[in-house]
Amino acid sequence: MVTARWLALARSRYATQVLAAALVGALVAVAVLLPRLQSAEVHLAALLLAFVMFPNAYVPPGTDAVYFTLTDGQVIGVEISLQSAAALLALPLLLATVAIVWLRPADAGRAVMSLVAAVGALVVANQLRVLLAAIVADSTRPKYRDSIGATVFGSMVTVICLAGAVLLFVFVFTGTRRRVLVTVSGGHE
């Protein structure tokens, strides 16, 4: 009985150590592949803009911006800089997940689920940021296009989305705790 319990504990510790190592590998891979992940995000933004409102959206080779023609004929671009790429914004969350998996192996599943939800929210929020910047640029006067798009949707939305992703990570992690049903056995049902 004791050896079976010890063996199960050793297996679960080994599994969480392997998961932690895989997450560290993912952390390194994201850091190394950051420019490619940024490029993929820019191309995804071009597809989204082409689908929603600007059918001529494109990404010129070697750039980190998506360009499209506004309804008044002006060509404008929205940049997804390396600093605002979802992959870079997800690195602290990935690091927190590694720490949780390593220090609290019983919570590994919830930590990974929280990470997936938060990273998904970051990607969606970044795409919405680009879409909203494009819509605002299309609907404002030409002299305000750059300042409104860059200030409102470049800086503020990125910060708000990062804060939202962190909150989502925490809420999913704490909200999916195992609920322990405590029963008092006193002979009455």
N, C-alpha and C. Protein backbone atom coordinates (compact mmCIF):
# COMPACT_ATOMS: atom_id res chain seq x y z
N MET A 1 0.83 -1.20 0.00
CA MET A 1 0.00 0.00 0.00
C MET A 1 0.87 1.26 0.00
N VAL A 2 1.88 1.28 0.86
CA VAL A 2 2.74 2.45 0.93
C VAL A 2 3.54 2.60 -0.36
N THR A 3 4.02 1.51 -0.91
CA THR A 3 4.81 1.60 -2.14
C THR A 3 3.94 2.03 -3.32
N ALA A 4 2.70 1.59 -3.39
CA ALA A 4 1.81 2.00 -4.47
C ALA A 4 1.53 3.50 -4.38
N ARG A 5 1.32 3.99 -3.18
CA ARG A 5 1.07 5.42 -2.98
C ARG A 5 2.33 6.23 -3.35
N TRP A 6 3.49 5.74 -2.92
CA TRP A 6 4.74 6.42 -3.22
C TRP A 6 4.99 6.43 -4.72
N LEU A 7 4.70 5.29 -5.39
CA LEU A 7 4.90 5.20 -6.83
C LEU A 7 3.98 6.18 -7.57
N ALA A 8 2.73 6.28 -7.12
CA ALA A 8 1.80 7.23 -7.75
C ALA A 8 2.29 8.67 -7.54
N LEU A 9 2.81 8.98 -6.36
CA LEU A 9 3.33 10.30 -6.10
C LEU A 9 4.55 10.60 -6.96
N ALA A 10 5.43 9.61 -7.09
CA ALA A 10 6.63 9.79 -7.92
C ALA A 10 6.25 10.01 -9.38
N ARG A 11 5.25 9.28 -9.86
CA ARG A 11 4.79 9.46 -11.24
C ARG A 11 4.21 10.84 -11.46
N SER A 12 3.40 11.30 -10.51
CA SER A 12 2.78 12.62 -10.68
C SER A 12 3.84 13.72 -10.59
N ARG A 13 4.82 13.58 -9.71
CA ARG A 13 5.90 14.57 -9.65
C ARG A 13 6.71 14.57 -10.94
N TYR A 14 6.98 13.38 -11.45
CA TYR A 14 7.71 13.28 -12.71
C TYR A 14 6.93 13.95 -13.83
N ALA A 15 5.63 13.72 -13.88
CA ALA A 15 4.79 14.32 -14.92
C ALA A 15 4.79 15.84 -14.83
N THR A 16 4.70 16.38 -13.61
CA THR A 16 4.70 17.83 -13.49
C THR A 16 6.09 18.41 -13.79
N GLN A 17 7.14 17.67 -13.48
CA GLN A 17 8.48 18.15 -13.83
C GLN A 17 8.66 18.16 -15.35
N VAL A 18 8.12 17.14 -16.01
CA VAL A 18 8.18 17.10 -17.47
C VAL A 18 7.35 18.26 -18.05
N LEU A 19 6.18 18.51 -17.47
CA LEU A 19 5.34 19.63 -17.93
C LEU A 19 6.06 20.96 -17.71
N ALA A 20 6.69 21.12 -16.56
CA ALA A 20 7.44 22.36 -16.29
C ALA A 20 8.59 22.52 -17.28
N ALA A 21 9.27 21.43 -17.58
CA ALA A 21 10.37 21.49 -18.56
C ALA A 21 9.84 21.83 -19.95
N ALA A 22 8.69 21.27 -20.31
CA ALA A 22 8.09 21.58 -21.60
C ALA A 22 7.67 23.05 -21.67
N LEU A 23 7.16 23.58 -20.57
CA LEU A 23 6.78 25.00 -20.53
C LEU A 23 8.01 25.90 -20.63
N VAL A 24 9.11 25.50 -19.99
CA VAL A 24 10.35 26.28 -20.12
C VAL A 24 10.82 26.22 -21.57
N GLY A 25 10.71 25.05 -22.20
CA GLY A 25 11.05 24.94 -23.62
C GLY A 25 10.18 25.83 -24.48
N ALA A 26 8.89 25.90 -24.16
CA ALA A 26 7.98 26.79 -24.89
C ALA A 26 8.36 28.25 -24.67
N LEU A 27 8.78 28.58 -23.45
CA LEU A 27 9.21 29.93 -23.14
C LEU A 27 10.42 30.32 -23.99
N VAL A 28 11.38 29.43 -24.07
CA VAL A 28 12.57 29.69 -24.88
C VAL A 28 12.20 29.77 -26.37
N ALA A 29 11.33 28.86 -26.82
CA ALA A 29 10.92 28.86 -28.22
C ALA A 29 10.20 30.15 -28.59
N VAL A 30 9.33 30.63 -27.72
CA VAL A 30 8.62 31.88 -27.99
C VAL A 30 9.61 33.04 -28.05
N ALA A 31 10.58 33.05 -27.12
CA ALA A 31 11.57 34.13 -27.12
C ALA A 31 12.42 34.10 -28.39
N VAL A 32 12.78 32.91 -28.84
CA VAL A 32 13.62 32.79 -30.03
C VAL A 32 12.82 33.08 -31.31
N LEU A 33 11.60 32.62 -31.34
CA LEU A 33 10.77 32.76 -32.54
C LEU A 33 9.88 34.00 -32.52
N LEU A 34 10.16 34.92 -31.64
CA LEU A 34 9.31 36.11 -31.50
C LEU A 34 9.08 36.86 -32.81
N PRO A 35 10.11 37.12 -33.61
CA PRO A 35 9.84 37.82 -34.88
C PRO A 35 8.91 37.05 -35.82
N ARG A 36 9.04 35.74 -35.85
CA ARG A 36 8.15 34.94 -36.71
C ARG A 36 6.72 34.94 -36.18
N LEU A 37 6.58 34.87 -34.86
CA LEU A 37 5.24 34.91 -34.26
C LEU A 37 4.60 36.28 -34.49
N GLN A 38 5.40 37.33 -34.42
CA GLN A 38 4.90 38.67 -34.72
C GLN A 38 4.44 38.75 -36.17
N SER A 39 5.23 38.20 -37.07
CA SER A 39 4.86 38.20 -38.49
C SER A 39 3.56 37.43 -38.72
N ALA A 40 3.39 36.32 -38.05
CA ALA A 40 2.15 35.55 -38.17
C ALA A 40 0.97 36.36 -37.66
N GLU A 41 1.19 37.10 -36.60
CA GLU A 41 0.11 37.93 -36.06
C GLU A 41 -0.25 39.06 -37.02
N VAL A 42 0.74 39.64 -37.68
CA VAL A 42 0.48 40.70 -38.66
C VAL A 42 -0.31 40.13 -39.84
N HIS A 43 0.06 38.95 -40.31
CA HIS A 43 -0.68 38.33 -41.42
C HIS A 43 -2.11 37.97 -41.00
N LEU A 44 -2.28 37.54 -39.77
CA LEU A 44 -3.63 37.26 -39.26
C LEU A 44 -4.46 38.55 -39.25
N ALA A 45 -3.84 39.66 -38.86
CA ALA A 45 -4.54 40.95 -38.86
C ALA A 45 -4.96 41.34 -40.28
N ALA A 46 -4.09 41.07 -41.26
CA ALA A 46 -4.44 41.39 -42.65
C ALA A 46 -5.63 40.55 -43.10
N LEU A 47 -5.64 39.28 -42.73
CA LEU A 47 -6.79 38.43 -43.07
C LEU A 47 -8.07 38.94 -42.42
N LEU A 48 -7.97 39.34 -41.16
CA LEU A 48 -9.15 39.84 -40.45
C LEU A 48 -9.67 41.13 -41.08
N LEU A 49 -8.76 42.05 -41.39
CA LEU A 49 -9.17 43.31 -42.03
C LEU A 49 -9.78 43.06 -43.40
N ALA A 50 -9.19 42.14 -44.16
CA ALA A 50 -9.72 41.82 -45.49
C ALA A 50 -11.10 41.19 -45.38
N PHE A 51 -11.31 40.40 -44.36
CA PHE A 51 -12.60 39.73 -44.19
C PHE A 51 -13.68 40.71 -43.72
N VAL A 52 -13.34 41.61 -42.80
CA VAL A 52 -14.34 42.45 -42.17
C VAL A 52 -14.69 43.68 -43.00
N MET A 53 -13.67 44.45 -43.44
CA MET A 53 -14.01 45.75 -44.02
C MET A 53 -13.10 46.20 -45.15
N PHE A 54 -11.87 45.78 -45.16
CA PHE A 54 -10.90 46.30 -46.12
C PHE A 54 -10.37 45.14 -46.98
N PRO A 55 -11.03 44.82 -48.08
CA PRO A 55 -10.66 43.63 -48.86
C PRO A 55 -9.26 43.69 -49.48
N ASN A 56 -8.67 44.87 -49.53
CA ASN A 56 -7.35 44.99 -50.14
C ASN A 56 -6.22 45.03 -49.10
N ALA A 57 -6.47 44.59 -47.87
CA ALA A 57 -5.45 44.60 -46.82
C ALA A 57 -4.32 43.65 -47.20
N TYR A 58 -3.10 44.11 -46.98
CA TYR A 58 -1.93 43.28 -47.32
C TYR A 58 -0.76 43.63 -46.40
N VAL A 59 0.20 42.73 -46.35
CA VAL A 59 1.42 42.93 -45.57
C VAL A 59 2.59 42.94 -46.54
N PRO A 60 3.25 44.09 -46.71
CA PRO A 60 4.41 44.13 -47.59
C PRO A 60 5.54 43.26 -47.01
N PRO A 61 6.29 42.60 -47.85
CA PRO A 61 7.39 41.76 -47.36
C PRO A 61 8.38 42.56 -46.52
N GLY A 62 8.79 41.97 -45.41
CA GLY A 62 9.78 42.58 -44.55
C GLY A 62 9.25 43.65 -43.62
N THR A 63 7.95 43.80 -43.52
CA THR A 63 7.38 44.81 -42.61
C THR A 63 6.60 44.13 -41.49
N ASP A 64 6.32 44.90 -40.47
CA ASP A 64 5.49 44.40 -39.38
C ASP A 64 4.20 45.22 -39.28
N ALA A 65 3.70 45.62 -40.45
CA ALA A 65 2.48 46.42 -40.52
C ALA A 65 1.57 45.87 -41.60
N VAL A 66 0.29 46.07 -41.38
CA VAL A 66 -0.70 45.70 -42.38
C VAL A 66 -1.21 47.01 -43.00
N TYR A 67 -1.23 47.03 -44.33
CA TYR A 67 -1.66 48.22 -45.07
C TYR A 67 -2.99 47.94 -45.75
N PHE A 68 -3.80 49.00 -45.86
CA PHE A 68 -5.11 48.87 -46.48
C PHE A 68 -5.54 50.24 -46.99
N THR A 69 -6.50 50.24 -47.90
CA THR A 69 -7.00 51.49 -48.48
C THR A 69 -8.29 51.87 -47.78
N LEU A 70 -8.32 53.11 -47.29
CA LEU A 70 -9.51 53.61 -46.63
C LEU A 70 -10.58 53.96 -47.66
N THR A 71 -11.78 54.26 -47.21
CA THR A 71 -12.86 54.55 -48.14
C THR A 71 -12.62 55.83 -48.93
N ASP A 72 -11.78 56.74 -48.43
CA ASP A 72 -11.47 57.96 -49.19
C ASP A 72 -10.28 57.78 -50.12
N GLY A 73 -9.75 56.55 -50.21
CA GLY A 73 -8.67 56.26 -51.14
C GLY A 73 -7.26 56.34 -50.55
N GLN A 74 -7.13 56.85 -49.35
CA GLN A 74 -5.81 56.94 -48.72
C GLN A 74 -5.36 55.57 -48.22
N VAL A 75 -4.09 55.25 -48.48
CA VAL A 75 -3.52 54.00 -47.99
C VAL A 75 -2.89 54.28 -46.63
N ILE A 76 -3.20 53.45 -45.68
CA ILE A 76 -2.70 53.62 -44.32
C ILE A 76 -2.24 52.27 -43.79
N GLY A 77 -1.34 52.30 -42.84
CA GLY A 77 -0.84 51.06 -42.26
C GLY A 77 -0.98 51.06 -40.75
N VAL A 78 -1.22 49.88 -40.20
CA VAL A 78 -1.28 49.70 -38.75
C VAL A 78 -0.17 48.72 -38.39
N GLU A 79 0.71 49.16 -37.50
CA GLU A 79 1.86 48.34 -37.13
C GLU A 79 1.57 47.52 -35.87
N ILE A 80 2.03 46.29 -35.89
CA ILE A 80 2.05 45.48 -34.68
C ILE A 80 3.53 45.36 -34.32
N SER A 81 3.97 46.24 -33.43
CA SER A 81 5.38 46.25 -33.07
C SER A 81 5.71 45.03 -32.23
N LEU A 82 6.98 44.76 -32.12
CA LEU A 82 7.43 43.63 -31.33
C LEU A 82 6.99 43.78 -29.88
N GLN A 83 6.96 45.01 -29.38
CA GLN A 83 6.58 45.26 -27.99
C GLN A 83 5.10 45.01 -27.73
N SER A 84 4.27 45.06 -28.76
CA SER A 84 2.85 44.83 -28.56
C SER A 84 2.37 43.51 -29.16
N ALA A 85 3.29 42.68 -29.59
CA ALA A 85 2.91 41.36 -30.12
C ALA A 85 2.41 40.48 -28.98
N ALA A 86 1.39 39.71 -29.26
CA ALA A 86 0.79 38.86 -28.22
C ALA A 86 1.80 37.86 -27.66
N ALA A 87 2.72 37.39 -28.49
CA ALA A 87 3.71 36.42 -28.00
C ALA A 87 4.59 37.03 -26.92
N LEU A 88 5.02 38.27 -27.11
CA LEU A 88 5.85 38.92 -26.10
C LEU A 88 5.04 39.22 -24.84
N LEU A 89 3.81 39.66 -25.02
CA LEU A 89 2.95 39.96 -23.87
C LEU A 89 2.61 38.70 -23.08
N ALA A 90 2.67 37.55 -23.74
CA ALA A 90 2.35 36.28 -23.07
C ALA A 90 3.53 35.71 -22.28
N LEU A 91 4.72 36.20 -22.51
CA LEU A 91 5.89 35.63 -21.81
C LEU A 91 5.79 35.67 -20.29
N PRO A 92 5.36 36.78 -19.67
CA PRO A 92 5.22 36.76 -18.21
C PRO A 92 4.20 35.74 -17.72
N LEU A 93 3.13 35.57 -18.48
CA LEU A 93 2.12 34.57 -18.11
C LEU A 93 2.69 33.16 -18.21
N LEU A 94 3.48 32.93 -19.23
CA LEU A 94 4.14 31.63 -19.40
C LEU A 94 5.11 31.37 -18.25
N LEU A 95 5.84 32.38 -17.87
CA LEU A 95 6.77 32.25 -16.76
C LEU A 95 6.02 31.99 -15.45
N ALA A 96 4.92 32.66 -15.23
CA ALA A 96 4.10 32.41 -14.03
C ALA A 96 3.56 30.99 -14.03
N THR A 97 3.18 30.49 -15.19
CA THR A 97 2.68 29.12 -15.28
C THR A 97 3.77 28.12 -14.94
N VAL A 98 4.98 28.37 -15.41
CA VAL A 98 6.11 27.49 -15.06
C VAL A 98 6.29 27.46 -13.55
N ALA A 99 6.25 28.63 -12.92
CA ALA A 99 6.43 28.69 -11.47
C ALA A 99 5.33 27.95 -10.74
N ILE A 100 4.09 28.11 -11.18
CA ILE A 100 2.97 27.43 -10.52
C ILE A 100 3.09 25.92 -10.68
N VAL A 101 3.41 25.47 -11.89
CA VAL A 101 3.54 24.03 -12.13
C VAL A 101 4.67 23.45 -11.30
N TRP A 102 5.77 24.17 -11.19
CA TRP A 102 6.91 23.66 -10.43
C TRP A 102 6.65 23.67 -8.93
N LEU A 103 6.06 24.75 -8.44
CA LEU A 103 5.88 24.89 -6.99
C LEU A 103 4.60 24.25 -6.46
N ARG A 104 3.60 24.16 -7.29
CA ARG A 104 2.32 23.58 -6.86
C ARG A 104 1.84 22.58 -7.90
N PRO A 105 2.45 21.41 -7.93
CA PRO A 105 2.12 20.42 -8.96
C PRO A 105 0.64 20.04 -9.01
N ALA A 106 -0.04 20.11 -7.88
CA ALA A 106 -1.46 19.76 -7.88
C ALA A 106 -2.30 20.75 -8.69
N ASP A 107 -1.78 21.94 -8.89
CA ASP A 107 -2.51 22.98 -9.63
C ASP A 107 -2.06 23.12 -11.08
N ALA A 108 -1.29 22.16 -11.57
CA ALA A 108 -0.71 22.27 -12.92
C ALA A 108 -1.79 22.38 -14.00
N GLY A 109 -2.83 21.58 -13.92
CA GLY A 109 -3.87 21.62 -14.94
C GLY A 109 -4.57 22.97 -15.00
N ARG A 110 -4.89 23.50 -13.82
CA ARG A 110 -5.54 24.81 -13.78
C ARG A 110 -4.62 25.91 -14.30
N ALA A 111 -3.34 25.79 -13.99
CA ALA A 111 -2.38 26.80 -14.45
C ALA A 111 -2.28 26.81 -15.97
N VAL A 112 -2.21 25.62 -16.56
CA VAL A 112 -2.11 25.54 -18.02
C VAL A 112 -3.41 26.03 -18.66
N MET A 113 -4.55 25.68 -18.08
CA MET A 113 -5.83 26.15 -18.61
C MET A 113 -5.91 27.68 -18.52
N SER A 114 -5.42 28.25 -17.44
CA SER A 114 -5.39 29.70 -17.29
C SER A 114 -4.49 30.35 -18.34
N LEU A 115 -3.35 29.71 -18.59
CA LEU A 115 -2.42 30.23 -19.59
C LEU A 115 -3.07 30.23 -20.98
N VAL A 116 -3.71 29.15 -21.33
CA VAL A 116 -4.35 29.06 -22.65
C VAL A 116 -5.43 30.13 -22.80
N ALA A 117 -6.24 30.31 -21.76
CA ALA A 117 -7.31 31.32 -21.82
C ALA A 117 -6.72 32.72 -21.95
N ALA A 118 -5.69 33.02 -21.18
CA ALA A 118 -5.10 34.36 -21.20
C ALA A 118 -4.39 34.66 -22.52
N VAL A 119 -3.66 33.68 -23.05
CA VAL A 119 -2.97 33.90 -24.33
C VAL A 119 -3.99 34.05 -25.46
N GLY A 120 -5.03 33.26 -25.42
CA GLY A 120 -6.10 33.41 -26.41
C GLY A 120 -6.72 34.80 -26.35
N ALA A 121 -6.93 35.28 -25.14
CA ALA A 121 -7.49 36.63 -24.97
C ALA A 121 -6.54 37.69 -25.51
N LEU A 122 -5.24 37.50 -25.30
CA LEU A 122 -4.25 38.46 -25.82
C LEU A 122 -4.27 38.51 -27.35
N VAL A 123 -4.33 37.36 -27.98
CA VAL A 123 -4.35 37.31 -29.45
C VAL A 123 -5.61 37.98 -29.98
N VAL A 124 -6.75 37.64 -29.41
CA VAL A 124 -8.02 38.23 -29.85
C VAL A 124 -8.01 39.73 -29.61
N ALA A 125 -7.54 40.16 -28.45
CA ALA A 125 -7.51 41.59 -28.14
C ALA A 125 -6.59 42.35 -29.09
N ASN A 126 -5.46 41.77 -29.43
CA ASN A 126 -4.55 42.43 -30.35
C ASN A 126 -5.17 42.57 -31.74
N GLN A 127 -5.89 41.56 -32.17
CA GLN A 127 -6.56 41.63 -33.47
C GLN A 127 -7.67 42.66 -33.45
N LEU A 128 -8.40 42.71 -32.34
CA LEU A 128 -9.45 43.72 -32.22
C LEU A 128 -8.85 45.13 -32.17
N ARG A 129 -7.69 45.26 -31.56
CA ARG A 129 -7.01 46.56 -31.52
C ARG A 129 -6.70 47.05 -32.93
N VAL A 130 -6.19 46.17 -33.76
CA VAL A 130 -5.88 46.54 -35.14
C VAL A 130 -7.15 46.87 -35.90
N LEU A 131 -8.17 46.06 -35.73
CA LEU A 131 -9.45 46.30 -36.40
C LEU A 131 -10.06 47.63 -35.98
N LEU A 132 -10.07 47.90 -34.68
CA LEU A 132 -10.63 49.17 -34.21
C LEU A 132 -9.81 50.37 -34.68
N ALA A 133 -8.50 50.22 -34.70
CA ALA A 133 -7.66 51.31 -35.22
C ALA A 133 -7.97 51.58 -36.68
N ALA A 134 -8.20 50.53 -37.45
CA ALA A 134 -8.54 50.70 -38.87
C ALA A 134 -9.90 51.36 -39.04
N ILE A 135 -10.86 50.95 -38.25
CA ILE A 135 -12.20 51.54 -38.35
C ILE A 135 -12.18 53.01 -37.93
N VAL A 136 -11.44 53.32 -36.86
CA VAL A 136 -11.33 54.71 -36.42
C VAL A 136 -10.62 55.55 -37.47
N ALA A 137 -9.55 55.02 -38.04
CA ALA A 137 -8.82 55.75 -39.07
C ALA A 137 -9.71 56.02 -40.28
N ASP A 138 -10.58 55.07 -40.58
CA ASP A 138 -11.47 55.24 -41.73
C ASP A 138 -12.57 56.25 -41.45
N SER A 139 -12.93 56.44 -40.19
CA SER A 139 -14.08 57.30 -39.89
C SER A 139 -13.68 58.67 -39.34
N THR A 140 -12.39 58.95 -39.15
CA THR A 140 -12.00 60.26 -38.65
C THR A 140 -11.39 61.11 -39.76
N ARG A 141 -11.22 62.38 -39.46
CA ARG A 141 -10.60 63.29 -40.42
C ARG A 141 -9.13 62.94 -40.60
N PRO A 142 -8.58 63.17 -41.77
CA PRO A 142 -7.20 62.76 -42.06
C PRO A 142 -6.15 63.29 -41.07
N LYS A 143 -6.32 64.50 -40.56
CA LYS A 143 -5.28 65.04 -39.68
C LYS A 143 -5.27 64.37 -38.31
N TYR A 144 -6.34 63.67 -37.93
CA TYR A 144 -6.39 63.00 -36.63
C TYR A 144 -6.13 61.50 -36.71
N ARG A 145 -6.01 60.96 -37.89
CA ARG A 145 -5.91 59.51 -38.06
C ARG A 145 -4.74 58.88 -37.31
N ASP A 146 -3.57 59.46 -37.47
CA ASP A 146 -2.39 58.86 -36.84
C ASP A 146 -2.42 58.98 -35.33
N SER A 147 -2.78 60.16 -34.83
CA SER A 147 -2.73 60.36 -33.38
C SER A 147 -3.79 59.54 -32.65
N ILE A 148 -4.99 59.48 -33.19
CA ILE A 148 -6.05 58.70 -32.52
C ILE A 148 -5.74 57.22 -32.59
N GLY A 149 -5.36 56.74 -33.76
CA GLY A 149 -5.07 55.32 -33.91
C GLY A 149 -3.90 54.86 -33.05
N ALA A 150 -2.82 55.64 -33.06
CA ALA A 150 -1.62 55.24 -32.32
C ALA A 150 -1.81 55.40 -30.81
N THR A 151 -2.42 56.51 -30.41
CA THR A 151 -2.55 56.76 -28.98
C THR A 151 -3.61 55.88 -28.35
N VAL A 152 -4.80 55.94 -28.88
CA VAL A 152 -5.90 55.22 -28.26
C VAL A 152 -5.77 53.71 -28.44
N PHE A 153 -5.56 53.29 -29.68
CA PHE A 153 -5.58 51.86 -29.91
C PHE A 153 -4.19 51.23 -29.92
N GLY A 154 -3.16 52.04 -29.95
CA GLY A 154 -1.81 51.49 -29.89
C GLY A 154 -1.34 51.28 -28.48
N SER A 155 -1.51 52.26 -27.65
CA SER A 155 -0.97 52.21 -26.31
C SER A 155 -1.99 51.77 -25.27
N MET A 156 -3.08 52.50 -25.21
CA MET A 156 -4.06 52.24 -24.15
C MET A 156 -4.67 50.85 -24.25
N VAL A 157 -5.07 50.45 -25.43
CA VAL A 157 -5.71 49.15 -25.57
C VAL A 157 -4.73 48.02 -25.27
N THR A 158 -3.48 48.18 -25.64
CA THR A 158 -2.49 47.15 -25.33
C THR A 158 -2.33 46.99 -23.84
N VAL A 159 -2.23 48.09 -23.12
CA VAL A 159 -2.08 48.02 -21.67
C VAL A 159 -3.34 47.43 -21.02
N ILE A 160 -4.49 47.88 -21.47
CA ILE A 160 -5.74 47.37 -20.91
C ILE A 160 -5.89 45.88 -21.21
N CYS A 161 -5.53 45.47 -22.40
CA CYS A 161 -5.64 44.05 -22.76
C CYS A 161 -4.67 43.19 -21.97
N LEU A 162 -3.48 43.70 -21.72
CA LEU A 162 -2.52 42.95 -20.91
C LEU A 162 -3.04 42.80 -19.49
N ALA A 163 -3.57 43.87 -18.94
CA ALA A 163 -4.15 43.79 -17.60
C ALA A 163 -5.33 42.83 -17.59
N GLY A 164 -6.15 42.86 -18.62
CA GLY A 164 -7.27 41.93 -18.71
C GLY A 164 -6.82 40.49 -18.82
N ALA A 165 -5.75 40.25 -19.56
CA ALA A 165 -5.23 38.88 -19.69
C ALA A 165 -4.70 38.37 -18.36
N VAL A 166 -4.02 39.24 -17.62
CA VAL A 166 -3.53 38.85 -16.30
C VAL A 166 -4.70 38.55 -15.37
N LEU A 167 -5.71 39.40 -15.39
CA LEU A 167 -6.90 39.14 -14.57
C LEU A 167 -7.60 37.85 -14.98
N LEU A 168 -7.71 37.61 -16.28
CA LEU A 168 -8.31 36.37 -16.76
C LEU A 168 -7.51 35.17 -16.28
N PHE A 169 -6.20 35.27 -16.35
CA PHE A 169 -5.32 34.19 -15.86
C PHE A 169 -5.62 33.91 -14.39
N VAL A 170 -5.68 34.96 -13.59
CA VAL A 170 -5.93 34.80 -12.15
C VAL A 170 -7.33 34.26 -11.90
N PHE A 171 -8.33 34.80 -12.58
CA PHE A 171 -9.71 34.35 -12.35
C PHE A 171 -9.92 32.90 -12.78
N VAL A 172 -9.36 32.52 -13.92
CA VAL A 172 -9.51 31.12 -14.34
C VAL A 172 -8.78 30.22 -13.37
N PHE A 173 -7.60 30.64 -12.93
CA PHE A 173 -6.82 29.82 -12.01
C PHE A 173 -7.53 29.67 -10.68
N THR A 174 -8.03 30.76 -10.13
CA THR A 174 -8.69 30.67 -8.83
C THR A 174 -10.12 30.18 -8.94
N GLY A 175 -10.76 30.42 -10.06
CA GLY A 175 -12.15 30.02 -10.22
C GLY A 175 -12.36 28.55 -10.52
N THR A 176 -11.30 27.87 -10.91
CA THR A 176 -11.45 26.45 -11.23
C THR A 176 -10.88 25.56 -10.14
N ARG A 177 -10.78 26.10 -8.94
CA ARG A 177 -10.31 25.27 -7.83
C ARG A 177 -11.25 24.10 -7.62
N ARG A 178 -10.66 23.04 -7.17
CA ARG A 178 -11.49 21.89 -6.85
C ARG A 178 -12.36 22.22 -5.66
N ARG A 179 -13.60 21.97 -5.81
CA ARG A 179 -14.52 22.19 -4.70
C ARG A 179 -14.57 20.90 -3.90
N VAL A 180 -14.30 21.01 -2.63
CA VAL A 180 -14.30 19.85 -1.76
C VAL A 180 -15.62 19.84 -1.01
N LEU A 181 -16.33 18.76 -1.17
CA LEU A 181 -17.60 18.60 -0.50
C LEU A 181 -17.33 18.00 0.88
N VAL A 182 -17.67 18.74 1.88
CA VAL A 182 -17.46 18.27 3.24
C VAL A 182 -18.79 17.76 3.75
N THR A 183 -18.79 16.54 4.18
CA THR A 183 -20.01 15.96 4.74
C THR A 183 -19.75 15.64 6.20
N VAL A 184 -20.70 15.88 6.97
CA VAL A 184 -20.62 15.57 8.40
C VAL A 184 -21.40 14.30 8.61
N SER A 185 -20.69 13.29 9.05
CA SER A 185 -21.38 12.02 9.26
C SER A 185 -21.71 11.88 10.74
N GLY A 186 -22.96 11.92 10.99
CA GLY A 186 -23.43 11.79 12.36
C GLY A 186 -24.58 10.81 12.44
N GLY A 187 -24.74 10.03 11.40
CA GLY A 187 -25.79 9.04 11.38
C GLY A 187 -27.08 9.55 10.77
N HIS A 188 -27.19 10.84 10.53
CA HIS A 188 -28.40 11.42 9.93
C HIS A 188 -28.13 11.76 8.49
N GLU A 189 -29.08 11.55 7.67
CA GLU A 189 -28.95 11.92 6.26
C GLU A 189 -29.93 12.97 5.89
